[in-house]
Amino acid sequence: MTPAPPDPAPVPGHAPGQSPGHTQGRAPGRAPATAPGHVPGRTLRVGIGGMSIESSGFCPHRTTYEDFRVTRGADLLSRYTWTDPADPMAAQVEWVPLVHAVALPGGPVERETYERIRDELTDRIREAGPLDGLVYDIHGAMSVVGLTDAEAGLTAAVREATGPDAMISAAMDLHGNVSYEFARHLDLLTAHRLAPHEDAWETRERAARKLVARLATGAGRPYRAWVQVPVLLPGEKTSTRLEPATSLYGSLADVEALDGVTDAAIWVGYAWADEPRCRAAVVVTGDDAELVSAQAGMLARGYWESRHEFTFVGPTGQADECVARAVASQARPFLISDSGDNPTAGGAGDLAYMLGRLLAHDDLATGRATALHPGITDPAAVAACFAAGTGAEVTLWVGGHVSAGTGPHAEPYELTGEVVSLQVLDGVRAAAVRRGGVTAVLTERRKPFHTLADFGELDPRGYDLVVVKIGYLEPELYAMAADWLLALTPGGVDQDLLRLGHTRIARPLYPFDDEGFTDPDLAPVLL
């Protein structure tokens, strides 16, 4: 096994010892015409692999190997449509499946798990023999217990395994973090341009096709103009459904279309990790050093100057306010986001806080109004419900499976009610318990509820309120909602960043700092 590389300290600005416009190994201008070691016309050998998770440092959950879905071989190739033999790229490329591991967002990854996946990936790269390139499928917001910049360490190990001649193209989530130590090991890097991420698979395909195009033509390594922007906002304030994100992300295609530019990307950063790398970033890639630097600087300035314009993607309120407004509304179904415990942003998913707030409202407690609240993670409560059976009355302490002790919002809630549904959803046992007008869906493992299919036999459209552990609504929920509110609830992905207690982020950083903080250095560094 390969020993872990030292964990690098990320740099929130220019690289040490480098001034804007510095390049590694060649003078600014056009990139060389031929990629190192590649003969145009030869069948390319391109590996596919990576490790993808979003990790909240404020979540008590710890991600283990069992939380990852690990794919290899034909199963890995079948993840992507562009690896199909009928795709035009098949005539140019031999795809080499390595290993890919992806997990539902959660708490930091256990060090042993990270090292196990890293070592398998790098071992498989070496065993594969010389590769012309690697499609590096990651998220960008992975945190690992004991490390400061896990993706930089992983990417350094991957680069060591591929050797210096292979070209690495990273496909990322726009909520990832892009430190200098991470970016310097990559040749191409791109990110989603939509939030919600309706273009996630398109992003991966873009990373693959741009890599193959450069390798097939013998183009050299492009320049990467990299700059971090001292702004850190939650995804719910940077949705591309609203301005200014709509225009900022909408401009990327125009930048990409310029002669001499290969790709343009903006990262919002990940707000719920507490690391110096956590902040917005811009990378413009291409063969014209002056042009990519100018465009990266323009995008970075635009993001910085728009920082006060970002707003929540929907109307917000505290929990009790949101419940009262929803009950009083005539809009049905009325959706509420339990945003602080969103498991698809890194929350534990085990907080019964909103269940308590729902049953504190008299109309819901008595059944004059109805609410469906999935899915509180509590394996013991689910086991008790399955043992009791449908129709049984149970008394359970619900929630706090891993979060108990982290604050009053995280304590278990005593729930007495009728078991009204027992089902298996995507391999996860789920039990629904009804008390008054409130039906709580308990799950044995953390599970998102983003589509109608996720609810199984419980149709959310038949309830007055649907309270989902989510941030901005995913497309099916958004279309279903007659109205909705974003509840600013406590938890591991609390939208109120200032009450979370960051201590390791690099300062100054908006919104943690604002007054007198008006002129950051936004000059790009050429990699």
Protein backbone atom coordinates (compact mmCIF):
# COMPACT_ATOMS: atom_id res chain seq x y z
CA MET A 1 0.00 0.00 0.00
CA THR A 2 1.12 3.54 -0.70
CA PRO A 3 1.72 5.61 2.43
CA ALA A 4 -0.47 8.68 2.84
CA PRO A 5 1.07 11.87 1.51
CA PRO A 6 1.45 14.63 4.08
CA ASP A 7 -1.70 16.68 4.50
CA PRO A 8 -0.99 20.02 2.82
CA ALA A 9 -2.00 23.38 4.22
CA PRO A 10 -4.33 25.04 1.70
CA VAL A 11 -3.60 28.58 0.60
CA PRO A 12 -6.49 31.08 0.43
CA GLY A 13 -4.98 33.25 -2.27
CA HIS A 14 -1.78 33.13 -4.30
CA ALA A 15 0.51 30.17 -4.02
CA PRO A 16 3.52 30.74 -1.77
CA GLY A 17 6.37 32.38 -3.59
CA GLN A 18 4.32 32.96 -6.72
CA SER A 19 3.00 36.18 -8.11
CA PRO A 20 -0.03 36.54 -10.38
CA GLY A 21 0.79 35.21 -13.82
CA HIS A 22 3.35 32.69 -12.58
CA THR A 23 3.41 29.48 -14.62
CA GLN A 24 4.89 26.13 -13.83
CA GLY A 25 7.67 25.25 -16.24
CA ARG A 26 6.82 27.41 -19.24
CA ALA A 27 6.30 31.00 -20.20
CA PRO A 28 2.82 32.45 -20.66
CA GLY A 29 1.41 32.20 -24.16
CA ARG A 30 -0.10 29.29 -26.04
CA ALA A 31 0.21 25.78 -24.66
CA PRO A 32 2.57 23.44 -26.50
CA ALA A 33 1.08 21.62 -29.48
CA THR A 34 1.72 18.07 -28.29
CA ALA A 35 0.86 16.42 -25.00
CA PRO A 36 3.81 14.67 -23.31
CA GLY A 37 4.12 11.04 -24.35
CA HIS A 38 1.09 10.96 -26.67
CA VAL A 39 1.13 10.01 -30.36
CA PRO A 40 -1.91 11.48 -32.18
CA GLY A 41 -4.02 8.75 -33.79
CA ARG A 42 -3.11 6.03 -31.27
CA THR A 43 -5.92 4.47 -29.23
CA LEU A 44 -6.03 6.28 -25.90
CA ARG A 45 -6.05 4.49 -22.56
CA VAL A 46 -8.13 6.56 -20.14
CA GLY A 47 -8.87 5.50 -16.59
CA ILE A 48 -12.02 6.31 -14.63
CA GLY A 49 -12.14 6.53 -10.85
CA GLY A 50 -12.59 8.71 -7.81
CA MET A 51 -14.05 9.18 -4.34
CA SER A 52 -17.08 11.37 -3.86
CA ILE A 53 -18.74 12.66 -0.69
CA GLU A 54 -19.75 15.96 0.89
CA SER A 55 -18.80 16.07 4.59
CA SER A 56 -20.05 18.43 7.30
CA GLY A 57 -17.50 19.09 10.01
CA PHE A 58 -20.37 20.14 12.28
CA CYS A 59 -22.17 16.79 11.95
CA PRO A 60 -21.52 14.15 14.65
CA HIS A 61 -22.01 11.36 12.12
CA ARG A 62 -18.86 9.59 10.91
CA THR A 63 -18.73 8.06 7.45
CA THR A 64 -17.37 4.52 7.25
CA TYR A 65 -16.56 2.19 4.38
CA GLU A 66 -20.03 0.63 4.62
CA ASP A 67 -21.57 4.02 3.79
CA PHE A 68 -19.90 4.05 0.37
CA ARG A 69 -21.23 2.45 -2.80
CA VAL A 70 -18.09 1.09 -4.42
CA THR A 71 -18.08 0.12 -8.11
CA ARG A 72 -15.43 -1.48 -10.29
CA GLY A 73 -15.08 -3.10 -13.69
CA ALA A 74 -18.14 -3.27 -15.95
CA ASP A 75 -20.35 -1.83 -13.20
CA LEU A 76 -18.19 1.27 -13.12
CA LEU A 77 -18.27 1.70 -16.90
CA SER A 78 -22.05 1.34 -16.89
CA ARG A 79 -22.36 4.42 -14.64
CA TYR A 80 -21.72 6.61 -17.68
CA THR A 81 -23.48 6.81 -21.04
CA TRP A 82 -20.37 8.01 -22.88
CA THR A 83 -18.48 4.76 -22.22
CA ASP A 84 -20.95 2.86 -24.39
CA PRO A 85 -19.28 1.18 -27.39
CA ALA A 86 -21.78 2.99 -29.64
CA ASP A 87 -20.48 6.39 -28.52
CA PRO A 88 -18.20 8.07 -31.08
CA MET A 89 -15.43 8.26 -28.47
CA ALA A 90 -15.22 4.45 -28.46
CA ALA A 91 -13.18 4.57 -31.66
CA GLN A 92 -10.54 6.65 -29.89
CA VAL A 93 -10.53 5.36 -26.32
CA GLU A 94 -10.00 2.22 -24.31
CA TRP A 95 -11.78 3.04 -21.06
CA VAL A 96 -10.01 1.53 -18.06
CA PRO A 97 -12.32 1.16 -15.04
CA LEU A 98 -10.45 1.63 -11.76
CA VAL A 99 -12.62 2.10 -8.68
CA HIS A 100 -15.23 4.68 -7.75
CA ALA A 101 -16.67 5.21 -4.26
CA VAL A 102 -19.63 7.50 -3.56
CA ALA A 103 -21.55 8.07 -0.34
CA LEU A 104 -24.53 10.09 0.78
CA PRO A 105 -23.27 13.35 2.31
CA GLY A 106 -22.63 13.07 6.02
CA GLY A 107 -20.05 13.64 8.68
CA PRO A 108 -16.28 13.43 8.12
CA VAL A 109 -14.90 10.22 6.66
CA GLU A 110 -13.03 7.94 9.05
CA ARG A 111 -9.30 8.05 8.29
CA GLU A 112 -9.08 4.27 7.81
CA THR A 113 -11.89 4.38 5.25
CA TYR A 114 -10.28 7.21 3.31
CA GLU A 115 -6.94 5.42 3.23
CA ARG A 116 -8.53 2.14 2.14
CA ILE A 117 -10.26 3.74 -0.84
CA ARG A 118 -7.29 5.93 -1.70
CA ASP A 119 -4.95 2.96 -1.66
CA GLU A 120 -7.22 0.84 -3.85
CA LEU A 121 -7.55 3.68 -6.37
CA THR A 122 -3.83 4.34 -6.57
CA ASP A 123 -2.96 0.63 -6.63
CA ARG A 124 -5.38 0.07 -9.51
CA ILE A 125 -3.89 3.03 -11.40
CA ARG A 126 -0.43 1.48 -11.12
CA GLU A 127 -1.69 -1.99 -12.02
CA ALA A 128 -3.47 -0.62 -15.10
CA GLY A 129 -0.16 0.32 -16.67
CA PRO A 130 0.52 3.57 -18.50
CA LEU A 131 -2.58 5.75 -18.86
CA ASP A 132 -2.91 8.66 -21.23
CA GLY A 133 -5.51 10.24 -19.00
CA LEU A 134 -7.85 9.89 -16.03
CA VAL A 135 -11.45 11.01 -15.62
CA TYR A 136 -11.42 11.90 -11.93
CA ASP A 137 -15.01 11.75 -10.64
CA ILE A 138 -15.12 13.46 -7.23
CA HIS A 139 -17.22 15.92 -5.23
CA GLY A 140 -14.72 18.37 -3.79
CA ALA A 141 -16.09 18.79 -0.26
CA MET A 142 -14.82 15.63 1.40
CA SER A 143 -13.51 16.02 4.94
CA VAL A 144 -11.50 13.29 6.64
CA VAL A 145 -10.89 12.93 10.36
CA GLY A 146 -7.43 14.34 11.12
CA LEU A 147 -6.82 15.92 7.70
CA THR A 148 -7.12 19.55 6.62
CA ASP A 149 -7.51 19.24 2.84
CA ALA A 150 -8.45 15.65 2.05
CA GLU A 151 -8.96 16.16 -1.67
CA ALA A 152 -5.51 17.70 -2.04
CA GLY A 153 -3.97 14.67 -0.35
CA LEU A 154 -6.00 12.24 -2.45
CA THR A 155 -5.17 14.08 -5.66
CA ALA A 156 -1.47 14.21 -4.84
CA ALA A 157 -1.51 10.43 -4.37
CA VAL A 158 -3.41 9.95 -7.63
CA ARG A 159 -0.93 12.16 -9.50
CA GLU A 160 1.98 10.20 -8.08
CA ALA A 161 0.32 6.97 -9.25
CA THR A 162 -0.45 8.17 -12.79
CA GLY A 163 2.96 9.72 -13.24
CA PRO A 164 3.63 13.17 -14.68
CA ASP A 165 2.62 12.47 -18.29
CA ALA A 166 -1.00 11.40 -17.83
CA MET A 167 -3.60 14.16 -18.08
CA ILE A 168 -6.16 14.29 -15.24
CA SER A 169 -9.62 15.80 -15.77
CA ALA A 170 -11.74 16.34 -12.66
CA ALA A 171 -15.54 16.54 -12.66
CA MET A 172 -16.79 18.26 -9.50
CA ASP A 173 -19.78 19.57 -7.63
CA LEU A 174 -20.01 23.37 -7.56
CA HIS A 175 -20.15 23.12 -3.75
CA GLY A 176 -16.63 21.73 -3.69
CA ASN A 177 -13.54 23.57 -2.51
CA VAL A 178 -10.60 24.29 -4.81
CA SER A 179 -7.38 24.93 -2.94
CA TYR A 180 -4.08 25.64 -4.70
CA GLU A 181 -2.61 22.36 -3.41
CA PHE A 182 -5.56 20.50 -4.90
CA ALA A 183 -5.77 22.29 -8.26
CA ARG A 184 -2.07 22.18 -9.06
CA HIS A 185 -2.16 18.41 -9.59
CA LEU A 186 -4.95 18.61 -12.20
CA ASP A 187 -4.91 19.47 -15.89
CA LEU A 188 -8.63 20.07 -16.44
CA LEU A 189 -11.27 20.74 -13.81
CA THR A 190 -14.89 21.63 -14.23
CA ALA A 191 -18.03 21.81 -12.05
CA HIS A 192 -21.80 21.73 -12.24
CA ARG A 193 -23.43 24.88 -13.58
CA LEU A 194 -26.86 24.32 -12.08
CA ALA A 195 -28.09 24.21 -8.48
CA PRO A 196 -30.09 22.02 -7.98
CA HIS A 197 -27.65 19.80 -9.85
CA GLU A 198 -29.72 18.81 -12.86
CA ASP A 199 -26.50 18.84 -14.91
CA ALA A 200 -24.45 16.49 -12.71
CA TRP A 201 -24.09 13.80 -15.37
CA GLU A 202 -23.54 16.40 -18.06
CA THR A 203 -20.61 17.73 -15.99
CA ARG A 204 -18.97 14.31 -15.88
CA GLU A 205 -19.45 13.93 -19.60
CA ARG A 206 -17.96 17.36 -20.26
CA ALA A 207 -14.88 16.44 -18.22
CA ALA A 208 -14.45 13.21 -20.19
CA ARG A 209 -15.03 14.65 -23.66
CA LYS A 210 -12.73 17.62 -23.15
CA LEU A 211 -10.01 15.30 -21.89
CA VAL A 212 -10.33 12.94 -24.85
CA ALA A 213 -10.46 15.84 -27.32
CA ARG A 214 -7.16 17.24 -26.04
CA LEU A 215 -5.46 13.86 -25.95
CA ALA A 216 -6.71 12.85 -29.39
CA THR A 217 -5.38 16.01 -31.02
CA GLY A 218 -2.10 15.91 -29.14
CA ALA A 219 -2.83 19.24 -27.52
CA GLY A 220 -0.58 20.06 -24.60
CA ARG A 221 -1.58 20.73 -21.06
CA PRO A 222 -3.78 23.80 -20.87
CA TYR A 223 -3.18 26.72 -18.55
CA ARG A 224 -5.44 26.90 -15.50
CA ALA A 225 -6.09 30.40 -14.19
CA TRP A 226 -7.04 29.82 -10.55
CA VAL A 227 -8.29 32.29 -7.99
CA GLN A 228 -10.16 31.94 -4.73
CA VAL A 229 -12.82 34.47 -3.74
CA PRO A 230 -13.17 35.26 0.00
CA VAL A 231 -16.90 34.48 0.10
CA LEU A 232 -18.49 31.41 1.71
CA LEU A 233 -22.23 30.98 1.34
CA PRO A 234 -24.59 28.03 1.82
CA GLY A 235 -25.94 26.43 -1.33
CA GLU A 236 -29.45 27.61 -0.44
CA LYS A 237 -28.25 31.19 -1.00
CA THR A 238 -26.53 30.45 -4.32
CA SER A 239 -29.14 28.55 -6.31
CA THR A 240 -28.96 29.18 -10.04
CA ARG A 241 -32.75 29.57 -10.00
CA LEU A 242 -32.17 33.12 -8.73
CA GLU A 243 -29.94 36.08 -9.45
CA PRO A 244 -27.08 36.75 -9.17
CA ALA A 245 -26.14 33.06 -9.57
CA THR A 246 -28.32 32.75 -12.69
CA SER A 247 -26.24 35.32 -14.56
CA LEU A 248 -22.88 34.36 -13.07
CA TYR A 249 -23.24 30.72 -14.02
CA GLY A 250 -25.03 31.60 -17.22
CA SER A 251 -21.95 33.51 -18.39
CA LEU A 252 -19.70 30.44 -18.23
CA ALA A 253 -20.79 29.08 -21.60
CA ASP A 254 -19.88 32.39 -23.25
CA VAL A 255 -16.44 32.35 -21.64
CA GLU A 256 -15.93 28.74 -22.69
CA ALA A 257 -16.82 29.62 -26.28
CA LEU A 258 -13.91 32.08 -26.60
CA ASP A 259 -11.05 31.02 -28.86
CA GLY A 260 -8.25 29.91 -26.55
CA VAL A 261 -10.56 28.84 -23.69
CA THR A 262 -11.32 25.19 -22.93
CA ASP A 263 -13.52 25.45 -19.85
CA ALA A 264 -14.73 27.90 -17.22
CA ALA A 265 -16.03 27.03 -13.76
CA ILE A 266 -17.17 28.71 -10.56
CA TRP A 267 -17.26 26.92 -7.20
CA VAL A 268 -19.43 28.24 -4.37
CA GLY A 269 -17.39 26.29 -1.82
CA TYR A 270 -18.71 24.18 1.04
CA ALA A 271 -19.98 26.16 4.00
CA TRP A 272 -20.25 23.38 6.61
CA ALA A 273 -16.63 22.32 6.80
CA ASP A 274 -14.27 24.36 8.94
CA GLU A 275 -11.09 24.42 6.86
CA PRO A 276 -8.98 27.20 5.30
CA ARG A 277 -9.82 25.94 1.77
CA CYS A 278 -13.55 26.61 2.25
CA ARG A 279 -14.43 29.53 -0.01
CA ALA A 280 -15.56 30.31 -3.53
CA ALA A 281 -13.17 29.74 -6.43
CA VAL A 282 -12.87 30.30 -10.16
CA VAL A 283 -10.83 28.32 -12.68
CA VAL A 284 -10.65 29.15 -16.37
CA THR A 285 -8.77 26.63 -18.49
CA GLY A 286 -7.32 27.08 -21.95
CA ASP A 287 -4.35 27.57 -24.25
CA ASP A 288 -4.15 31.35 -24.13
CA ALA A 289 -2.58 32.31 -20.81
CA GLU A 290 -3.46 35.99 -20.99
CA LEU A 291 -7.05 35.32 -21.98
CA VAL A 292 -7.79 32.69 -19.33
CA SER A 293 -6.27 34.92 -16.65
CA ALA A 294 -8.36 37.88 -17.74
CA GLN A 295 -11.56 35.83 -17.81
CA ALA A 296 -10.89 34.24 -14.44
CA GLY A 297 -10.28 37.66 -12.93
CA MET A 298 -13.50 38.98 -14.45
CA LEU A 299 -15.57 36.09 -13.07
CA ALA A 300 -13.96 36.39 -9.63
CA ARG A 301 -14.64 40.13 -9.46
CA GLY A 302 -18.23 39.55 -10.55
CA TYR A 303 -18.75 37.01 -7.79
CA TRP A 304 -17.17 39.26 -5.17
CA GLU A 305 -19.13 42.33 -6.22
CA SER A 306 -22.38 40.34 -6.10
CA ARG A 307 -21.85 38.95 -2.61
CA HIS A 308 -24.54 41.09 -0.97
CA GLU A 309 -27.09 40.16 -3.64
CA PHE A 310 -27.20 36.45 -2.84
CA THR A 311 -30.37 35.53 -1.02
CA PHE A 312 -32.17 32.40 0.09
CA VAL A 313 -33.79 30.47 -2.73
CA GLY A 314 -37.18 30.68 -1.01
CA PRO A 315 -38.97 32.48 1.81
CA THR A 316 -37.55 31.59 5.21
CA GLY A 317 -38.51 31.55 8.86
CA GLN A 318 -37.84 29.86 12.17
CA ALA A 319 -39.47 26.46 12.71
CA ASP A 320 -42.61 27.49 14.63
CA GLU A 321 -43.21 30.43 12.30
CA CYS A 322 -42.99 28.18 9.25
CA VAL A 323 -45.37 25.60 10.73
CA ALA A 324 -47.92 28.27 11.66
CA ARG A 325 -47.79 29.90 8.23
CA ALA A 326 -48.13 26.56 6.48
CA VAL A 327 -51.13 25.45 8.56
CA ALA A 328 -52.86 28.80 8.00
CA SER A 329 -52.26 28.72 4.25
CA GLN A 330 -54.80 27.40 1.74
CA ALA A 331 -52.01 26.05 -0.49
CA ARG A 332 -51.83 22.26 -0.46
CA PRO A 333 -49.52 20.47 -0.23
CA PHE A 334 -47.41 23.06 1.56
CA LEU A 335 -43.76 22.00 1.81
CA ILE A 336 -41.31 22.98 4.53
CA SER A 337 -37.58 22.32 4.33
CA ASP A 338 -35.99 21.13 7.58
CA SER A 339 -32.78 22.64 6.24
CA GLY A 340 -30.46 22.29 9.23
CA ASP A 341 -30.65 18.49 9.21
CA ASN A 342 -30.52 17.92 5.46
CA PRO A 343 -28.71 14.58 4.92
CA THR A 344 -27.93 15.42 1.30
CA ALA A 345 -25.87 18.41 2.44
CA GLY A 346 -24.10 16.54 5.24
CA GLY A 347 -26.62 16.59 8.09
CA ALA A 348 -27.00 13.61 10.42
CA GLY A 349 -30.65 13.16 9.41
CA ASP A 350 -31.54 11.98 12.93
CA LEU A 351 -32.95 15.13 14.50
CA ALA A 352 -36.54 14.96 15.77
CA TYR A 353 -36.59 18.73 16.31
CA MET A 354 -39.16 19.45 13.56
CA LEU A 355 -41.32 16.53 14.68
CA GLY A 356 -41.58 18.20 18.07
CA ARG A 357 -42.44 21.55 16.50
CA LEU A 358 -45.17 19.98 14.35
CA LEU A 359 -46.82 18.26 17.29
CA ALA A 360 -46.58 21.47 19.33
CA HIS A 361 -49.13 23.02 16.93
CA ASP A 362 -52.65 22.30 18.15
CA ASP A 363 -54.20 21.78 14.70
CA LEU A 364 -51.62 19.13 13.85
CA ALA A 365 -51.64 17.48 17.27
CA THR A 366 -55.43 17.06 17.14
CA GLY A 367 -55.61 16.04 13.49
CA ARG A 368 -57.47 19.09 12.20
CA ALA A 369 -54.52 19.40 9.80
CA THR A 370 -52.19 16.69 8.53
CA ALA A 371 -48.45 16.54 8.01
CA LEU A 372 -46.00 13.99 6.66
CA HIS A 373 -42.45 14.22 7.99
CA PRO A 374 -39.82 11.89 6.50
CA GLY A 375 -37.26 10.63 7.26
CA ILE A 376 -35.80 10.64 10.77
CA THR A 377 -32.96 8.14 11.02
CA ASP A 378 -33.39 5.82 14.01
CA PRO A 379 -32.60 2.12 13.48
CA ALA A 380 -33.79 1.09 16.96
CA ALA A 381 -37.18 2.78 16.53
CA VAL A 382 -37.61 1.19 13.09
CA ALA A 383 -36.79 -2.25 14.49
CA ALA A 384 -39.38 -1.75 17.25
CA CYS A 385 -42.04 -0.79 14.69
CA PHE A 386 -41.32 -3.82 12.50
CA ALA A 387 -41.51 -6.05 15.56
CA ALA A 388 -44.83 -4.52 16.60
CA GLY A 389 -46.41 -4.63 13.13
CA THR A 390 -48.82 -2.41 11.23
CA GLY A 391 -51.73 -1.19 13.34
CA ALA A 392 -49.88 -1.52 16.64
CA GLU A 393 -49.56 1.35 19.09
CA VAL A 394 -45.96 2.06 20.03
CA THR A 395 -44.13 4.41 22.34
CA LEU A 396 -40.70 5.32 21.05
CA TRP A 397 -37.86 7.67 21.81
CA VAL A 398 -37.24 8.99 18.30
CA GLY A 399 -34.12 10.69 16.99
CA GLY A 400 -30.74 11.55 18.43
CA HIS A 401 -29.26 8.30 17.13
CA VAL A 402 -25.85 9.96 16.71
CA SER A 403 -26.63 13.61 17.52
CA ALA A 404 -27.86 13.30 21.12
CA GLY A 405 -25.77 15.46 23.42
CA THR A 406 -24.88 18.06 20.79
CA GLY A 407 -27.57 20.49 21.95
CA PRO A 408 -31.19 20.70 23.09
CA HIS A 409 -32.36 20.46 19.47
CA ALA A 410 -30.74 17.01 19.19
CA GLU A 411 -32.41 15.19 22.09
CA PRO A 412 -34.73 12.23 21.37
CA TYR A 413 -38.47 12.93 21.22
CA GLU A 414 -41.01 10.67 22.94
CA LEU A 415 -43.54 9.60 20.31
CA THR A 416 -46.63 7.53 21.01
CA GLY A 417 -48.65 6.62 17.96
CA GLU A 418 -49.93 3.99 15.53
CA VAL A 419 -47.67 2.17 13.10
CA VAL A 420 -49.41 2.88 9.78
CA SER A 421 -46.83 1.70 7.26
CA LEU A 422 -43.87 -0.67 7.07
CA GLN A 423 -41.92 -0.74 3.82
CA VAL A 424 -38.47 -1.05 2.29
CA LEU A 425 -37.36 2.00 0.29
CA ASP A 426 -34.22 1.64 -1.84
CA GLY A 427 -33.09 -1.17 0.44
CA VAL A 428 -33.77 0.85 3.61
CA ARG A 429 -36.46 -0.24 6.05
CA ALA A 430 -38.89 2.57 6.86
CA ALA A 431 -41.68 2.74 9.41
CA ALA A 432 -44.41 5.38 9.51
CA VAL A 433 -45.95 6.28 12.87
CA ARG A 434 -49.02 8.54 13.13
CA ARG A 435 -49.87 10.69 16.12
CA GLY A 436 -52.77 13.09 15.70
CA GLY A 437 -52.43 14.54 12.23
CA VAL A 438 -48.67 13.99 12.00
CA THR A 439 -47.14 10.97 10.27
CA ALA A 440 -43.42 10.57 10.96
CA VAL A 441 -41.40 8.33 8.65
CA LEU A 442 -38.50 6.69 10.47
CA THR A 443 -35.64 5.08 8.55
CA GLU A 444 -33.02 2.57 9.65
CA ARG A 445 -30.35 4.37 7.61
CA ARG A 446 -29.96 7.91 6.37
CA LYS A 447 -32.09 8.35 3.27
CA PRO A 448 -33.12 11.35 1.19
CA PHE A 449 -36.71 12.00 0.11
CA HIS A 450 -36.39 13.92 -3.16
CA THR A 451 -38.87 12.26 -5.52
CA LEU A 452 -42.37 10.82 -5.29
CA ALA A 453 -40.88 7.35 -5.62
CA ASP A 454 -38.80 7.93 -2.48
CA PHE A 455 -42.01 7.97 -0.39
CA GLY A 456 -43.17 4.54 -1.55
CA GLU A 457 -46.79 3.84 -0.61
CA LEU A 458 -47.16 7.14 1.27
CA ASP A 459 -48.34 9.75 -1.22
CA PRO A 460 -47.12 13.17 -0.01
CA ARG A 461 -49.76 14.90 -2.13
CA GLY A 462 -52.44 13.62 0.26
CA TYR A 463 -51.21 15.70 3.23
CA ASP A 464 -51.66 19.35 4.08
CA LEU A 465 -47.97 19.78 5.00
CA VAL A 466 -44.89 17.85 3.95
CA VAL A 467 -41.78 18.57 6.01
CA VAL A 468 -38.67 17.21 4.30
CA LYS A 469 -35.07 17.16 5.48
CA ILE A 470 -33.73 19.12 2.54
CA GLY A 471 -32.51 22.58 1.60
CA TYR A 472 -33.73 23.95 -1.71
CA LEU A 473 -36.38 21.69 -3.19
CA GLU A 474 -35.30 19.14 -5.76
CA PRO A 475 -37.20 19.36 -9.09
CA GLU A 476 -40.04 16.88 -8.34
CA LEU A 477 -40.72 18.38 -4.92
CA TYR A 478 -40.50 21.89 -6.35
CA ALA A 479 -43.10 21.00 -8.98
CA MET A 480 -45.35 19.33 -6.39
CA ALA A 481 -45.33 22.18 -3.85
CA ALA A 482 -48.30 24.54 -3.97
CA ASP A 483 -46.16 26.76 -1.72
CA TRP A 484 -43.10 26.26 0.44
CA LEU A 485 -40.88 27.68 3.16
CA LEU A 486 -37.24 27.12 4.05
CA ALA A 487 -37.16 26.56 7.82
CA LEU A 488 -33.92 27.82 9.38
CA THR A 489 -33.59 24.89 11.72
CA PRO A 490 -30.56 23.90 13.81
CA GLY A 491 -28.30 21.00 12.88
CA GLY A 492 -25.05 20.03 11.23
CA VAL A 493 -25.85 22.05 8.10
CA ASP A 494 -27.41 25.07 9.79
CA GLN A 495 -28.05 27.83 7.27
CA ASP A 496 -27.08 30.43 9.87
CA LEU A 497 -23.34 30.03 9.42
CA LEU A 498 -22.46 32.56 12.10
CA ARG A 499 -24.00 30.44 14.87
CA LEU A 500 -22.13 27.26 13.89
CA GLY A 501 -18.79 28.31 15.37
CA HIS A 502 -16.20 28.14 12.58
CA THR A 503 -12.67 28.55 13.96
CA ARG A 504 -10.31 27.32 11.21
CA ILE A 505 -11.54 29.14 8.11
CA ALA A 506 -9.08 31.67 6.67
CA ARG A 507 -10.14 35.21 7.53
CA PRO A 508 -11.22 37.71 6.40
CA LEU A 509 -14.13 35.93 4.75
CA TYR A 510 -17.62 37.17 3.89
CA PRO A 511 -20.14 36.93 5.63
CA PHE A 512 -18.02 36.31 8.74
CA ASP A 513 -16.28 39.62 8.00
CA ASP A 514 -17.68 42.51 6.00
CA GLU A 515 -17.12 46.01 7.38
CA GLY A 516 -13.84 47.42 6.06
CA PHE A 517 -13.28 44.27 3.99
CA THR A 518 -13.68 45.67 0.50
CA ASP A 519 -10.58 45.09 -1.59
CA PRO A 520 -9.40 41.45 -1.67
CA ASP A 521 -6.63 40.32 -3.98
CA LEU A 522 -8.42 38.61 -6.86
CA ALA A 523 -5.50 38.30 -9.28
CA PRO A 524 -5.48 34.77 -10.75
CA VAL A 525 -2.52 32.42 -10.49
CA LEU A 526 -1.59 30.48 -13.61
CA LEU A 527 -1.02 26.79 -13.02
